[in-house]
Protein backbone atom coordinates (compact mmCIF):
# COMPACT_ATOMS: atom_id res chain seq x y z
CA MET A 1 96.42 44.53 25.07
CA CYS A 2 95.06 41.32 26.55
CA ASP A 3 97.17 39.75 29.31
CA PHE A 4 97.56 36.06 28.52
CA TYR A 5 99.44 35.14 31.68
CA ASN A 6 97.17 36.80 34.27
CA ASN A 7 93.93 36.18 32.40
CA PRO A 8 94.30 33.29 29.92
CA PRO A 9 91.61 32.89 27.26
CA LYS A 10 88.86 30.41 28.06
CA ASN A 11 87.34 29.87 24.62
CA VAL A 12 87.70 30.51 20.87
CA GLU A 13 86.11 33.96 21.08
CA GLU A 14 88.57 35.11 23.74
CA ILE A 15 91.51 33.73 21.74
CA SER A 16 90.25 35.74 18.76
CA THR A 17 90.10 38.90 20.89
CA TYR A 18 93.62 38.26 22.18
CA LEU A 19 95.03 37.71 18.68
CA ARG A 20 93.47 40.92 17.41
CA SER A 21 94.93 42.87 20.36
CA TRP A 22 98.41 41.39 19.96
CA LEU A 23 98.82 41.75 16.20
CA GLN A 24 100.67 44.95 15.38
CA GLU A 25 101.46 46.40 11.98
CA VAL A 26 105.09 45.83 11.07
CA ASP A 27 107.42 47.52 8.62
CA GLU A 28 107.29 45.60 5.37
CA GLY A 29 110.23 43.26 5.09
CA PRO A 30 111.50 41.46 2.03
CA LEU A 31 108.98 39.76 -0.23
CA LYS A 32 108.68 36.00 0.22
CA VAL A 33 107.81 33.54 -2.53
CA TYR A 34 105.35 30.79 -1.62
CA LYS A 35 103.37 28.70 -4.13
CA ASP A 36 104.26 31.05 -6.99
CA GLN A 37 102.93 34.10 -5.16
CA MET A 38 104.72 37.00 -3.51
CA TRP A 39 103.95 37.50 0.19
CA VAL A 40 104.76 40.39 2.49
CA GLN A 41 104.51 40.45 6.28
CA ARG A 42 101.92 43.01 7.45
CA TYR A 43 101.33 42.08 11.11
CA GLY A 44 103.13 40.26 13.86
CA PHE A 45 103.97 39.88 17.52
CA ARG A 46 106.47 38.02 19.66
CA ARG A 47 105.27 35.86 22.53
CA ALA A 48 107.93 34.06 24.58
CA PHE A 49 110.43 32.62 22.08
CA GLN A 50 108.07 32.54 19.11
CA ILE A 51 107.48 35.03 16.31
CA HIS A 52 103.89 35.16 15.07
CA GLY A 53 103.60 36.60 11.58
CA VAL A 54 100.74 37.44 9.24
CA TYR A 55 101.73 37.58 5.58
CA VAL A 56 99.53 38.89 2.77
CA SER A 57 99.71 37.80 -0.87
CA THR A 58 100.43 40.73 -3.16
CA THR A 59 98.28 39.15 -5.90
CA THR A 60 95.30 37.46 -4.19
CA ASN A 61 95.19 39.33 -0.85
CA GLN A 62 95.04 35.95 0.95
CA HIS A 63 96.48 35.89 4.46
CA LEU A 64 98.70 33.29 6.06
CA PHE A 65 99.72 32.86 9.68
CA HIS A 66 103.04 31.32 10.68
CA VAL A 67 104.67 30.83 14.08
CA ASP A 68 108.36 30.05 14.46
CA GLU A 69 111.44 30.84 16.51
CA TYR A 70 112.86 32.62 13.49
CA ASP A 71 111.52 34.46 10.47
CA TRP A 72 109.39 32.33 8.12
CA ASP A 73 111.52 30.60 5.49
CA SER A 74 109.00 30.34 2.66
CA ALA A 75 111.39 28.22 0.58
CA THR A 76 111.49 25.36 3.09
CA GLN A 77 108.45 25.76 5.40
CA GLU A 78 104.72 25.46 4.91
CA PRO A 79 102.76 28.04 6.92
CA ASN A 80 101.93 26.13 10.10
CA PHE A 81 98.60 27.87 10.73
CA GLY A 82 97.34 27.89 7.16
CA VAL A 83 96.39 30.20 4.31
CA TRP A 84 93.06 32.02 4.52
CA ASP A 85 90.90 34.02 2.11
CA ASP A 86 90.88 37.12 4.32
CA PHE A 87 91.97 38.50 7.67
CA ASP A 88 88.77 37.68 9.58
CA ARG A 89 88.71 34.05 8.41
CA MET A 90 92.38 33.76 9.33
CA ILE A 91 91.71 35.02 12.87
CA ALA A 92 88.78 32.61 13.24
CA GLY A 93 90.74 29.62 11.92
CA VAL A 94 93.87 30.33 13.95
CA SER A 95 91.72 30.80 17.08
CA VAL A 96 90.12 27.38 16.58
CA ALA A 97 93.57 25.82 16.04
CA TYR A 98 94.90 27.37 19.26
CA ALA A 99 91.80 26.22 21.17
CA LYS A 100 92.52 22.65 20.07
CA LEU A 101 96.21 22.93 20.97
CA TRP A 102 95.35 24.33 24.41
CA LYS A 103 92.46 21.84 24.87
CA LEU A 104 89.87 24.54 25.56
C-alpha cells in the first residue's frame, strides 16, 4: 500500500497508483437508488475522517466515486467525484480531480 504521509504523490499518475493500492473490496451493503438506478458499494477505504467509496450500477456497470464523513446518502447527495463509464476511467478522472485539489 502506498504511504501518502511519508511519500505524497507528485502527479496524476502517482495519485492513480495510490488510489488503486488503497481501494479494497468491501462486503456489499444495502442497495442505493440514484437517478433511477440501483447502486452497490464494491470498493472503499478510509483516510483520516473520510470514507471513500466506489459504487457500481447494477444495470449499466457505471462506477461512481464519493467521499464523505459518513456513508453516501444517495437520496440527498450527488456523488462528489462523478459517475464514470468504467473503473479505469473513474480512477483517471478522480486522480485528475485530486491533482487539482492538491494543486499538483
